[in-house]
PDB file of N, CA and C in Angstrom:
ATOM      1  N   MET A   1      43.778   0.728 -21.465  1.00  0.00           N
ATOM      2  CA  MET A   1      44.561   0.086 -22.248  1.00  0.00           C
ATOM      3  C   MET A   1      45.637   0.878 -23.059  1.00  0.00           C
ATOM      4  N   ASN A   2      46.954   0.544 -23.214  1.00  0.00           N
ATOM      5  CA  ASN A   2      47.684   1.146 -24.214  1.00  0.00           C
ATOM      6  C   ASN A   2      47.979   0.366 -25.216  1.00  0.00           C
ATOM      7  N   PHE A   3      47.322   0.612 -26.545  1.00  0.00           N
ATOM      8  CA  PHE A   3      47.568  -0.460 -27.693  1.00  0.00           C
ATOM      9  C   PHE A   3      48.708   0.324 -28.835  1.00  0.00           C
ATOM     10  N   ARG A   4      49.300   1.724 -27.987  1.00  0.00           N
ATOM     11  CA  ARG A   4      50.494   2.155 -28.739  1.00  0.00           C
ATOM     12  C   ARG A   4      51.742   1.075 -28.739  1.00  0.00           C
ATOM     13  N   ILE A   5      51.731   0.020 -27.370  1.00  0.00           N
ATOM     14  CA  ILE A   5      52.928  -0.764 -26.835  1.00  0.00           C
ATOM     15  C   ILE A   5      51.926  -2.257 -27.715  1.00  0.00           C
ATOM     16  N   ILE A   6      53.439  -2.909 -28.258  1.00  0.00           N
ATOM     17  CA  ILE A   6      52.714  -4.171 -29.076  1.00  0.00           C
ATOM     18  C   ILE A   6      52.686  -4.972 -27.976  1.00  0.00           C
ATOM     19  N   LEU A   7      51.706  -6.024 -27.889  1.00  0.00           N
ATOM     20  CA  LEU A   7      52.014  -6.820 -27.067  1.00  0.00           C
ATOM     21  C   LEU A   7      51.743  -8.081 -27.417  1.00  0.00           C
ATOM     22  N   ILE A   8      51.259  -8.112 -28.702  1.00  0.00           N
ATOM     23  CA  ILE A   8      50.591  -9.369 -28.915  1.00  0.00           C
ATOM     24  C   ILE A   8      51.587 -10.323 -30.154  1.00  0.00           C
ATOM     25  N   LEU A   9      51.760 -11.513 -29.745  1.00  0.00           N
ATOM     26  CA  LEU A   9      52.275 -11.921 -31.158  1.00  0.00           C
ATOM     27  C   LEU A   9      51.118 -12.832 -31.953  1.00  0.00           C
ATOM     28  N   LEU A  10      51.595 -12.277 -33.413  1.00  0.00           N
ATOM     29  CA  LEU A  10      50.459 -13.239 -34.351  1.00  0.00           C
ATOM     30  C   LEU A  10      51.479 -14.067 -34.916  1.00  0.00           C
ATOM     31  N   LYS A  11      51.723 -15.260 -34.732  1.00  0.00           N
ATOM     32  CA  LYS A  11      52.698 -15.885 -35.883  1.00  0.00           C
ATOM     33  C   LYS A  11      51.989 -16.206 -36.797  1.00  0.00           C
ATOM     34  N   MET A  12      52.155 -15.934 -38.165  1.00  0.00           N
ATOM     35  CA  MET A  12      51.187 -16.589 -39.078  1.00  0.00           C
ATOM     36  C   MET A  12      52.477 -17.253 -40.085  1.00  0.00           C
ATOM     37  N   LEU A  13      52.543 -18.417 -40.454  1.00  0.00           N
ATOM     38  CA  LEU A  13      52.866 -19.169 -41.351  1.00  0.00           C
ATOM     39  C   LEU A  13      52.028 -19.932 -42.814  1.00  0.00           C
ATOM     40  N   ARG A  14      53.072 -19.453 -43.547  1.00  0.00           N
ATOM     41  CA  ARG A  14      51.895 -20.031 -45.155  1.00  0.00           C
ATOM     42  C   ARG A  14      53.517 -20.685 -45.329  1.00  0.00           C
ATOM     43  N   THR A  15      53.152 -21.953 -45.757  1.00  0.00           N
ATOM     44  CA  THR A  15      54.690 -23.131 -46.016  1.00  0.00           C
ATOM     45  C   THR A  15      55.027 -22.393 -47.615  1.00  0.00           C
ATOM     46  N   SER A  16      54.106 -22.417 -48.268  1.00  0.00           N
ATOM     47  CA  SER A  16      54.256 -21.799 -49.485  1.00  0.00           C
ATOM     48  C   SER A  16      53.625 -20.843 -50.699  1.00  0.00           C
ATOM     49  N   LEU A  17      53.815 -19.815 -51.558  1.00  0.00           N
ATOM     50  CA  LEU A  17      52.948 -19.080 -51.858  1.00  0.00           C
ATOM     51  C   LEU A  17      51.683 -19.751 -52.351  1.00  0.00           C
ATOM     52  N   GLN A  18      51.938 -20.986 -52.704  1.00  0.00           N
ATOM     53  CA  GLN A  18      50.367 -21.773 -53.293  1.00  0.00           C
ATOM     54  C   GLN A  18      49.499 -22.202 -52.210  1.00  0.00           C
ATOM     55  N   ASP A  19      50.093 -22.170 -51.144  1.00  0.00           N
ATOM     56  CA  ASP A  19      48.686 -22.610 -50.561  1.00  0.00           C
ATOM     57  C   ASP A  19      48.067 -21.761 -50.149  1.00  0.00           C
ATOM     58  N   PRO A  20      46.412 -22.039 -50.292  1.00  0.00           N
ATOM     59  CA  PRO A  20      45.463 -21.240 -50.076  1.00  0.00           C
ATOM     60  C   PRO A  20      45.181 -21.140 -47.957  1.00  0.00           C
ATOM     61  N   PHE A  21      46.320 -21.344 -47.826  1.00  0.00           N
ATOM     62  CA  PHE A  21      45.825 -21.208 -46.227  1.00  0.00           C
ATOM     63  C   PHE A  21      47.238 -21.130 -45.269  1.00  0.00           C
ATOM     64  N   ILE A  22      46.681 -20.103 -44.091  1.00  0.00           N
ATOM     65  CA  ILE A  22      47.700 -19.830 -43.031  1.00  0.00           C
ATOM     66  C   ILE A  22      47.586 -20.778 -42.305  1.00  0.00           C
ATOM     67  N   LYS A  23      48.563 -20.905 -41.168  1.00  0.00           N
ATOM     68  CA  LYS A  23      48.758 -21.032 -40.259  1.00  0.00           C
ATOM     69  C   LYS A  23      48.675 -19.726 -38.696  1.00  0.00           C
ATOM     70  N   MET A  24      47.882 -19.934 -37.642  1.00  0.00           N
ATOM     71  CA  MET A  24      48.331 -18.869 -36.831  1.00  0.00           C
ATOM     72  C   MET A  24      47.896 -19.410 -35.658  1.00  0.00           C
ATOM     73  N   GLN A  25      49.270 -18.406 -35.229  1.00  0.00           N
ATOM     74  CA  GLN A  25      49.627 -19.043 -33.225  1.00  0.00           C
ATOM     75  C   GLN A  25      49.515 -17.503 -32.486  1.00  0.00           C
ATOM     76  N   PRO A  26      48.281 -17.401 -32.016  1.00  0.00           N
ATOM     77  CA  PRO A  26      48.509 -16.013 -31.101  1.00  0.00           C
ATOM     78  C   PRO A  26      49.076 -16.364 -29.760  1.00  0.00           C
ATOM     79  N   GLY A  27      49.470 -15.260 -29.369  1.00  0.00           N
ATOM     80  CA  GLY A  27      49.982 -15.334 -27.932  1.00  0.00           C
ATOM     81  C   GLY A  27      49.913 -13.706 -27.378  1.00  0.00           C
ATOM     82  N   LEU A  28      49.634 -13.641 -26.221  1.00  0.00           N
ATOM     83  CA  LEU A  28      49.963 -12.383 -25.336  1.00  0.00           C
ATOM     84  C   LEU A  28      50.503 -12.095 -24.303  1.00  0.00           C
ATOM     85  N   ALA A  29      51.195 -11.179 -23.688  1.00  0.00           N
ATOM     86  CA  ALA A  29      51.694 -10.862 -22.514  1.00  0.00           C
ATOM     87  C   ALA A  29      50.981 -11.518 -21.380  1.00  0.00           C
ATOM     88  N   GLN A  30      51.453 -11.756 -20.479  1.00  0.00           N
ATOM     89  CA  GLN A  30      50.393 -12.570 -19.427  1.00  0.00           C
ATOM     90  C   GLN A  30      49.694 -11.360 -18.493  1.00  0.00           C
ATOM     91  N   ASP A  31      50.172  -9.964 -18.548  1.00  0.00           N
ATOM     92  CA  ASP A  31      49.929  -9.217 -17.418  1.00  0.00           C
ATOM     93  C   ASP A  31      48.486  -8.914 -18.300  1.00  0.00           C
ATOM     94  N   PHE A  32      48.229  -9.050 -19.792  1.00  0.00           N
ATOM     95  CA  PHE A  32      47.224  -8.463 -20.100  1.00  0.00           C
ATOM     96  C   PHE A  32      45.829 -10.180 -20.946  1.00  0.00           C
ATOM     97  N   GLU A  33      46.257 -10.694 -19.915  1.00  0.00           N
ATOM     98  CA  GLU A  33      45.609 -12.159 -20.357  1.00  0.00           C
ATOM     99  C   GLU A  33      44.160 -11.767 -19.522  1.00  0.00           C
ATOM    100  N   GLY A  34      42.935 -12.394 -20.344  1.00  0.00           N
ATOM    101  CA  GLY A  34      41.389 -11.987 -20.176  1.00  0.00           C
ATOM    102  C   GLY A  34      40.734 -10.982 -20.049  1.00  0.00           C
ATOM    103  N   ARG A  35      41.427 -10.076 -21.073  1.00  0.00           N
ATOM    104  CA  ARG A  35      40.845  -8.380 -21.318  1.00  0.00           C
ATOM    105  C   ARG A  35      40.035  -8.782 -22.599  1.00  0.00           C
ATOM    106  N   GLY A  36      39.964  -9.813 -23.726  1.00  0.00           N
ATOM    107  CA  GLY A  36      39.817 -10.202 -24.881  1.00  0.00           C
ATOM    108  C   GLY A  36      40.398  -9.267 -25.644  1.00  0.00           C
ATOM    109  N   VAL A  37      41.964  -9.087 -25.420  1.00  0.00           N
ATOM    110  CA  VAL A  37      42.785  -8.074 -26.546  1.00  0.00           C
ATOM    111  C   VAL A  37      43.282  -9.044 -27.687  1.00  0.00           C
ATOM    112  N   ILE A  38      43.263 -10.748 -27.561  1.00  0.00           N
ATOM    113  CA  ILE A  38      43.765 -11.315 -27.973  1.00  0.00           C
ATOM    114  C   ILE A  38      42.656 -11.800 -29.284  1.00  0.00           C
ATOM    115  N   SER A  39      41.418 -11.987 -29.009  1.00  0.00           N
ATOM    116  CA  SER A  39      40.500 -12.287 -29.337  1.00  0.00           C
ATOM    117  C   SER A  39      40.118 -11.471 -30.529  1.00  0.00           C
ATOM    118  N   ARG A  40      40.231  -9.619 -29.723  1.00  0.00           N
ATOM    119  CA  ARG A  40      39.911  -9.077 -30.720  1.00  0.00           C
ATOM    120  C   ARG A  40      41.225  -8.787 -31.897  1.00  0.00           C
ATOM    121  N   ALA A  41      42.329  -8.566 -31.831  1.00  0.00           N
ATOM    122  CA  ALA A  41      43.128  -9.461 -32.422  1.00  0.00           C
ATOM    123  C   ALA A  41      43.009  -9.853 -33.832  1.00  0.00           C
ATOM    124  N   CYS A  42      42.810 -11.120 -32.976  1.00  0.00           N
ATOM    125  CA  CYS A  42      42.493 -12.519 -33.748  1.00  0.00           C
ATOM    126  C   CYS A  42      41.799 -12.114 -34.677  1.00  0.00           C
ATOM    127  N   ARG A  43      40.331 -11.694 -34.325  1.00  0.00           N
ATOM    128  CA  ARG A  43      39.208 -11.115 -35.309  1.00  0.00           C
ATOM    129  C   ARG A  43      40.034 -10.357 -36.105  1.00  0.00           C
ATOM    130  N   GLU A  44      40.723  -9.300 -36.105  1.00  0.00           N
ATOM    131  CA  GLU A  44      40.920  -8.260 -36.826  1.00  0.00           C
ATOM    132  C   GLU A  44      42.498  -9.219 -38.238  1.00  0.00           C
ATOM    133  N   VAL A  45      42.642 -10.388 -37.612  1.00  0.00           N
ATOM    134  CA  VAL A  45      43.799 -10.974 -38.634  1.00  0.00           C
ATOM    135  C   VAL A  45      42.961 -11.707 -39.920  1.00  0.00           C
ATOM    136  N   VAL A  46      41.790 -12.408 -39.103  1.00  0.00           N
ATOM    137  CA  VAL A  46      40.915 -13.058 -40.014  1.00  0.00           C
ATOM    138  C   VAL A  46      40.236 -12.179 -41.045  1.00  0.00           C
ATOM    139  N   ARG A  47      39.832 -11.041 -40.947  1.00  0.00           N
ATOM    140  CA  ARG A  47      39.329 -10.311 -42.033  1.00  0.00           C
ATOM    141  C   ARG A  47      40.415  -9.850 -42.686  1.00  0.00           C
ATOM    142  N   TYR A  48      41.750  -9.974 -42.330  1.00  0.00           N
ATOM    143  CA  TYR A  48      42.736  -9.052 -43.250  1.00  0.00           C
ATOM    144  C   TYR A  48      43.189 -10.541 -43.953  1.00  0.00           C
ATOM    145  N   VAL A  49      43.153 -11.739 -43.140  1.00  0.00           N
ATOM    146  CA  VAL A  49      43.713 -12.507 -44.122  1.00  0.00           C
ATOM    147  C   VAL A  49      42.820 -13.158 -45.187  1.00  0.00           C
ATOM    148  N   PHE A  50      41.463 -12.824 -44.823  1.00  0.00           N
ATOM    149  CA  PHE A  50      40.195 -13.103 -46.043  1.00  0.00           C
ATOM    150  C   PHE A  50      40.140 -12.114 -46.833  1.00  0.00           C
ATOM    151  N   GLU A  51      40.034 -11.065 -46.515  1.00  0.00           N
ATOM    152  CA  GLU A  51      39.765  -9.871 -47.267  1.00  0.00           C
ATOM    153  C   GLU A  51      41.075  -9.272 -48.575  1.00  0.00           C
ATOM    154  N   GLU A  52      41.780  -8.908 -47.569  1.00  0.00           N
ATOM    155  CA  GLU A  52      43.304  -8.545 -48.223  1.00  0.00           C
ATOM    156  C   GLU A  52      44.290  -9.249 -48.859  1.00  0.00           C
ATOM    157  N   LEU A  53      44.117 -10.878 -48.217  1.00  0.00           N
ATOM    158  CA  LEU A  53      45.411 -11.542 -48.726  1.00  0.00           C
ATOM    159  C   LEU A  53      44.449 -12.510 -49.730  1.00  0.00           C
ATOM    160  N   GLU A  54      43.107 -12.458 -49.392  1.00  0.00           N
ATOM    161  CA  GLU A  54      42.422 -13.544 -50.287  1.00  0.00           C
ATOM    162  C   GLU A  54      42.541 -15.127 -50.267  1.00  0.00           C
ATOM    163  N   LEU A  55      42.948 -15.574 -48.930  1.00  0.00           N
ATOM    164  CA  LEU A  55      43.009 -16.992 -48.837  1.00  0.00           C
ATOM    165  C   LEU A  55      41.782 -17.480 -48.436  1.00  0.00           C
ATOM    166  N   ASN A  56      42.048 -18.821 -48.228  1.00  0.00           N
ATOM    167  CA  ASN A  56      40.456 -19.350 -47.820  1.00  0.00           C
ATOM    168  C   ASN A  56      40.392 -20.305 -46.996  1.00  0.00           C
ATOM    169  N   ARG A  57      41.312 -20.421 -45.926  1.00  0.00           N
ATOM    170  CA  ARG A  57      41.522 -21.314 -44.968  1.00  0.00           C
ATOM    171  C   ARG A  57      42.922 -20.353 -44.057  1.00  0.00           C
ATOM    172  N   ILE A  58      42.273 -20.832 -42.680  1.00  0.00           N
ATOM    173  CA  ILE A  58      43.205 -20.434 -41.239  1.00  0.00           C
ATOM    174  C   ILE A  58      43.071 -21.541 -40.669  1.00  0.00           C
ATOM    175  N   GLU A  59      44.020 -22.345 -39.786  1.00  0.00           N
ATOM    176  CA  GLU A  59      44.179 -22.813 -38.772  1.00  0.00           C
ATOM    177  C   GLU A  59      45.022 -22.415 -37.767  1.00  0.00           C
ATOM    178  N   ILE A  60      44.009 -22.795 -36.496  1.00  0.00           N
ATOM    179  CA  ILE A  60      44.958 -22.190 -34.928  1.00  0.00           C
ATOM    180  C   ILE A  60      45.290 -23.764 -34.430  1.00  0.00           C
ATOM    181  N   ARG A  61      46.508 -24.081 -33.993  1.00  0.00           N
ATOM    182  CA  ARG A  61      47.045 -24.908 -32.841  1.00  0.00           C
ATOM    183  C   ARG A  61      47.110 -24.558 -31.698  1.00  0.00           C
ATOM    184  N   VAL A  62      46.436 -25.251 -31.012  1.00  0.00           N
ATOM    185  CA  VAL A  62      46.579 -25.303 -29.146  1.00  0.00           C
ATOM    186  C   VAL A  62      47.021 -26.580 -28.462  1.00  0.00           C
ATOM    187  N   GLN A  63      47.357 -26.268 -27.482  1.00  0.00           N
ATOM    188  CA  GLN A  63      47.647 -27.548 -26.591  1.00  0.00           C
ATOM    189  C   GLN A  63      46.110 -27.926 -26.150  1.00  0.00           C
ATOM    190  N   PRO A  64      45.636 -28.709 -25.617  1.00  0.00           N
ATOM    191  CA  PRO A  64      44.422 -29.573 -25.307  1.00  0.00           C
ATOM    192  C   PRO A  64      44.316 -29.100 -23.864  1.00  0.00           C
ATOM    193  N   GLU A  65      45.535 -28.951 -22.995  1.00  0.00           N
ATOM    194  CA  GLU A  65      45.149 -28.495 -21.505  1.00  0.00           C
ATOM    195  C   GLU A  65      44.894 -26.796 -21.569  1.00  0.00           C
ATOM    196  N   ASN A  66      45.463 -26.657 -22.531  1.00  0.00           N
ATOM    197  CA  ASN A  66      45.374 -24.891 -22.259  1.00  0.00           C
ATOM    198  C   ASN A  66      44.118 -24.190 -22.849  1.00  0.00           C
ATOM    199  N   LEU A  67      43.053 -24.309 -21.895  1.00  0.00           N
ATOM    200  CA  LEU A  67      41.774 -23.691 -22.163  1.00  0.00           C
ATOM    201  C   LEU A  67      41.321 -22.376 -21.868  1.00  0.00           C
ATOM    202  N   LYS A  68      42.094 -21.740 -22.284  1.00  0.00           N
ATOM    203  CA  LYS A  68      42.116 -20.037 -22.042  1.00  0.00           C
ATOM    204  C   LYS A  68      42.480 -20.224 -23.643  1.00  0.00           C
ATOM    205  N   SER A  69      43.627 -20.638 -24.316  1.00  0.00           N
ATOM    206  CA  SER A  69      43.823 -20.845 -25.725  1.00  0.00           C
ATOM    207  C   SER A  69      42.771 -21.412 -26.680  1.00  0.00           C
ATOM    208  N   ARG A  70      41.855 -21.945 -26.210  1.00  0.00           N
ATOM    209  CA  ARG A  70      40.792 -23.101 -26.707  1.00  0.00           C
ATOM    210  C   ARG A  70      40.256 -22.210 -27.013  1.00  0.00           C
ATOM    211  N   LYS A  71      39.234 -21.268 -26.027  1.00  0.00           N
ATOM    212  CA  LYS A  71      38.532 -20.441 -25.829  1.00  0.00           C
ATOM    213  C   LYS A  71      38.482 -19.502 -27.331  1.00  0.00           C
ATOM    214  N   ILE A  72      39.735 -19.195 -27.635  1.00  0.00           N
ATOM    215  CA  ILE A  72      39.682 -17.797 -28.601  1.00  0.00           C
ATOM    216  C   ILE A  72      39.565 -18.347 -30.008  1.00  0.00           C
ATOM    217  N   PRO A  73      39.879 -19.575 -30.601  1.00  0.00           N
ATOM    218  CA  PRO A  73      39.289 -19.625 -31.904  1.00  0.00           C
ATOM    219  C   PRO A  73      38.032 -20.369 -31.815  1.00  0.00           C
ATOM    220  N   GLU A  74      37.510 -20.863 -30.902  1.00  0.00           N
ATOM    221  CA  GLU A  74      35.785 -21.483 -30.366  1.00  0.00           C
ATOM    222  C   GLU A  74      35.541 -20.232 -30.347  1.00  0.00           C
ATOM    223  N   ASN A  75      35.550 -18.995 -29.766  1.00  0.00           N
ATOM    224  CA  ASN A  75      34.772 -17.938 -30.006  1.00  0.00           C
ATOM    225  C   ASN A  75      34.645 -16.786 -30.814  1.00  0.00           C
ATOM    226  N   ILE A  76      35.493 -17.038 -31.914  1.00  0.00           N
ATOM    227  CA  ILE A  76      35.549 -16.330 -32.951  1.00  0.00           C
ATOM    228  C   ILE A  76      35.316 -17.404 -33.996  1.00  0.00           C
ATOM    229  N   GLY A  77      34.499 -18.496 -33.984  1.00  0.00           N
ATOM    230  CA  GLY A  77      33.757 -19.539 -35.278  1.00  0.00           C
ATOM    231  C   GLY A  77      34.694 -20.096 -35.639  1.00  0.00           C
ATOM    232  N   PHE A  78      35.811 -21.022 -34.963  1.00  0.00           N
ATOM    233  CA  PHE A  78      36.810 -21.762 -35.813  1.00  0.00           C
ATOM    234  C   PHE A  78      35.852 -22.740 -35.367  1.00  0.00           C
ATOM    235  N   VAL A  79      36.467 -24.252 -36.302  1.00  0.00           N
ATOM    236  CA  VAL A  79      35.833 -25.485 -35.876  1.00  0.00           C
ATOM    237  C   VAL A  79      36.727 -26.144 -35.243  1.00  0.00           C
ATOM    238  N   ARG A  80      36.413 -27.012 -34.358  1.00  0.00           N
ATOM    239  CA  ARG A  80      37.412 -27.956 -34.097  1.00  0.00           C
ATOM    240  C   ARG A  80      37.274 -28.946 -34.934  1.00  0.00           C
ATOM    241  N   GLU A  81      38.602 -29.697 -35.557  1.00  0.00           N
ATOM    242  CA  GLU A  81      38.806 -30.423 -36.637  1.00  0.00           C
ATOM    243  C   GLU A  81      39.359 -31.642 -35.959  1.00  0.00           C
ATOM    244  N   GLY A  82      39.927 -31.419 -34.931  1.00  0.00           N
ATOM    245  CA  GLY A  82      40.999 -33.109 -34.482  1.00  0.00           C
ATOM    246  C   GLY A  82      42.131 -32.759 -33.785  1.00  0.00           C
ATOM    247  N   THR A  83      42.828 -33.557 -33.213  1.00  0.00           N
ATOM    248  CA  THR A  83      43.780 -33.864 -32.247  1.00  0.00           C
ATOM    249  C   THR A  83      45.320 -34.251 -33.044  1.00  0.00           C
ATOM    250  N   LEU A  84      46.181 -33.801 -33.443  1.00  0.00           N
ATOM    251  CA  LEU A  84      47.228 -34.385 -33.902  1.00  0.00           C
ATOM    252  C   LEU A  84      48.003 -34.742 -32.302  1.00  0.00           C
ATOM    253  N   ARG A  85      48.420 -35.877 -32.876  1.00  0.00           N
ATOM    254  CA  ARG A  85      48.972 -36.531 -31.871  1.00  0.00           C
ATOM    255  C   ARG A  85      51.009 -36.527 -32.003  1.00  0.00           C
ATOM    256  N   GLN A  86      51.108 -35.629 -30.655  1.00  0.00           N
ATOM    257  CA  GLN A  86      52.617 -35.235 -30.430  1.00  0.00           C
ATOM    258  C   GLN A  86      53.436 -34.581 -31.654  1.00  0.00           C
ATOM    259  N   ALA A  87      52.125 -33.633 -31.867  1.00  0.00           N
ATOM    260  CA  ALA A  87      52.779 -32.785 -32.864  1.00  0.00           C
ATOM    261  C   ALA A  87      53.794 -31.538 -33.073  1.00  0.00           C
ATOM    262  N   GLU A  88      54.161 -31.448 -31.643  1.00  0.00           N
ATOM    263  CA  GLU A  88      55.132 -30.003 -31.503  1.00  0.00           C
ATOM    264  C   GLU A  88      55.853 -30.417 -30.244  1.00  0.00           C
ATOM    265  N   TRP A  89      57.077 -30.117 -30.307  1.00  0.00           N
ATOM    266  CA  TRP A  89      58.505 -30.298 -29.316  1.00  0.00           C
ATOM    267  C   TRP A  89      58.184 -28.961 -28.374  1.00  0.00           C
ATOM    268  N   PHE A  90      57.771 -29.256 -27.244  1.00  0.00           N
ATOM    269  CA  PHE A  90      57.547 -28.195 -26.643  1.00  0.00           C
ATOM    270  C   PHE A  90      58.731 -28.433 -25.076  1.00  0.00           C
ATOM    271  N   ILE A  91      59.708 -27.108 -24.932  1.00  0.00           N
ATOM    272  CA  ILE A  91      60.620 -27.461 -23.794  1.00  0.00           C
ATOM    273  C   ILE A  91      61.440 -29.013 -23.612  1.00  0.00           C
ATOM    274  N   ASP A  92      60.728 -29.799 -23.163  1.00  0.00           N
ATOM    275  CA  ASP A  92      61.177 -31.397 -22.986  1.00  0.00           C
ATOM    276  C   ASP A  92      60.571 -32.849 -23.343  1.00  0.00           C
ATOM    277  N   ARG A  93      59.656 -32.231 -24.128  1.00  0.00           N
ATOM    278  CA  ARG A  93      58.381 -33.561 -24.125  1.00  0.00           C
ATOM    279  C   ARG A  93      57.653 -32.999 -25.865  1.00  0.00           C
ATOM    280  N   PHE A  94      57.645 -33.601 -26.417  1.00  0.00           N
ATOM    281  CA  PHE A  94      56.100 -33.753 -27.397  1.00  0.00           C
ATOM    282  C   PHE A  94      55.070 -33.546 -26.768  1.00  0.00           C
ATOM    283  N   VAL A  95      54.194 -32.702 -27.643  1.00  0.00           N
ATOM    284  CA  VAL A  95      52.433 -32.641 -27.242  1.00  0.00           C
ATOM    285  C   VAL A  95      51.625 -32.601 -28.509  1.00  0.00           C
ATOM    286  N   ASP A  96      50.596 -33.116 -27.684  1.00  0.00           N
ATOM    287  CA  ASP A  96      49.194 -32.769 -28.772  1.00  0.00           C
ATOM    288  C   ASP A  96      48.997 -31.363 -29.148  1.00  0.00           C
ATOM    289  N   LYS A  97      48.632 -31.346 -30.171  1.00  0.00           N
ATOM    290  CA  LYS A  97      47.832 -29.995 -30.387  1.00  0.00           C
ATOM    291  C   LYS A  97      46.105 -30.013 -30.867  1.00  0.00           C
ATOM    292  N   VAL A  98      45.446 -29.459 -30.824  1.00  0.00           N
ATOM    293  CA  VAL A  98      44.314 -29.525 -30.831  1.00  0.00           C
ATOM    294  C   VAL A  98      44.110 -28.497 -32.168  1.00  0.00           C
ATOM    295  N   ILE A  99      43.573 -28.971 -33.181  1.00  0.00           N
ATOM    296  CA  ILE A  99      43.516 -27.882 -34.893  1.00  0.00           C
ATOM    297  C   ILE A  99      41.806 -27.385 -34.884  1.00  0.00           C
ATOM    298  N   TYR A 100      42.197 -26.122 -35.359  1.00  0.00           N
ATOM    299  CA  TYR A 100      40.447 -25.396 -35.804  1.00  0.00           C
ATOM    300  C   TYR A 100      40.666 -24.877 -37.247  1.00  0.00           C
ATOM    301  N   GLY A 101      39.730 -24.561 -37.772  1.00  0.00           N
ATOM    302  CA  GLY A 101      40.091 -24.399 -38.651  1.00  0.00           C
ATOM    303  C   GLY A 101      38.836 -23.234 -39.218  1.00  0.00           C
ATOM    304  N   LEU A 102      38.846 -22.405 -40.011  1.00  0.00           N
ATOM    305  CA  LEU A 102      38.401 -21.349 -40.622  1.00  0.00           C
ATOM    306  C   LEU A 102      38.202 -21.432 -41.767  1.00  0.00           C
ATOM    307  N   LEU A 103      36.861 -21.767 -42.641  1.00  0.00           N
ATOM    308  CA  LEU A 103      37.219 -21.434 -44.697  1.00  0.00           C
ATOM    309  C   LEU A 103      36.543 -19.654 -44.229  1.00  0.00           C
ATOM    310  N   LYS A 104      36.801 -19.742 -45.386  1.00  0.00           N
ATOM    311  CA  LYS A 104      36.361 -18.029 -46.368  1.00  0.00           C
ATOM    312  C   LYS A 104      35.020 -18.218 -45.872  1.00  0.00           C
ATOM    313  N   GLU A 105      34.209 -19.108 -46.376  1.00  0.00           N
ATOM    314  CA  GLU A 105      32.850 -19.118 -46.566  1.00  0.00           C
ATOM    315  C   GLU A 105      32.262 -19.308 -45.340  1.00  0.00           C
ATOM    316  N   GLU A 106      32.740 -19.815 -44.402  1.00  0.00           N
ATOM    317  CA  GLU A 106      32.399 -19.162 -43.101  1.00  0.00           C
ATOM    318  C   GLU A 106      32.259 -18.238 -42.654  1.00  0.00           C
ATOM    319  N   TRP A 107      33.393 -17.724 -43.260  1.00  0.00           N
ATOM    320  CA  TRP A 107      33.451 -16.182 -42.290  1.00  0.00           C
ATOM    321  C   TRP A 107      32.563 -15.237 -42.737  1.00  0.00           C
ATOM    322  N   ILE A 108      32.178 -15.400 -43.991  1.00  0.00           N
ATOM    323  CA  ILE A 108      31.520 -14.357 -44.850  1.00  0.00           C
ATOM    324  C   ILE A 108      29.981 -14.517 -43.857  1.00  0.00           C
ATOM    325  N   THR A 109      29.737 -16.285 -44.585  1.00  0.00           N
ATOM    326  CA  THR A 109      28.277 -16.568 -43.649  1.00  0.00           C
ATOM    327  C   THR A 109      27.787 -16.210 -42.427  1.00  0.00           C
ATOM    328  N   SER A 110      29.335 -15.766 -41.940  1.00  0.00           N
ATOM    329  CA  SER A 110      28.872 -15.892 -40.369  1.00  0.00           C
ATOM    330  C   SER A 110      28.394 -14.308 -39.883  1.00  0.00           C
ATOM    331  N   GLY A 111      28.731 -13.132 -40.850  1.00  0.00           N
ATOM    332  CA  GLY A 111      28.882 -12.301 -40.935  1.00  0.00           C
ATOM    333  C   GLY A 111      29.381 -11.086 -39.929  1.00  0.00           C
TER     334      GLY A 111
END
């Protein structure tokens, strides 16, 4: 796998400088799905957010029916916190989002 090519989209949103958290939206070129690339990248982003940016919380939101995307936060220790109904406009309709959260203290204790 050629890591010199940028394949991963990690969209990090911070609504204001006072917010102690970010929202992260991972995405990946379809040819590279199922290879663990996005999970490794997300782990590194989590480390960076907690160690370098010193934020307290990360959120990931995914569509409930997207089981592959739901495995990403579940496999790296995020906690499912609930479902936001009709939370985002997607193509031609509103869609629900499952929200996952990870706190800095949870990340530290999971080692």
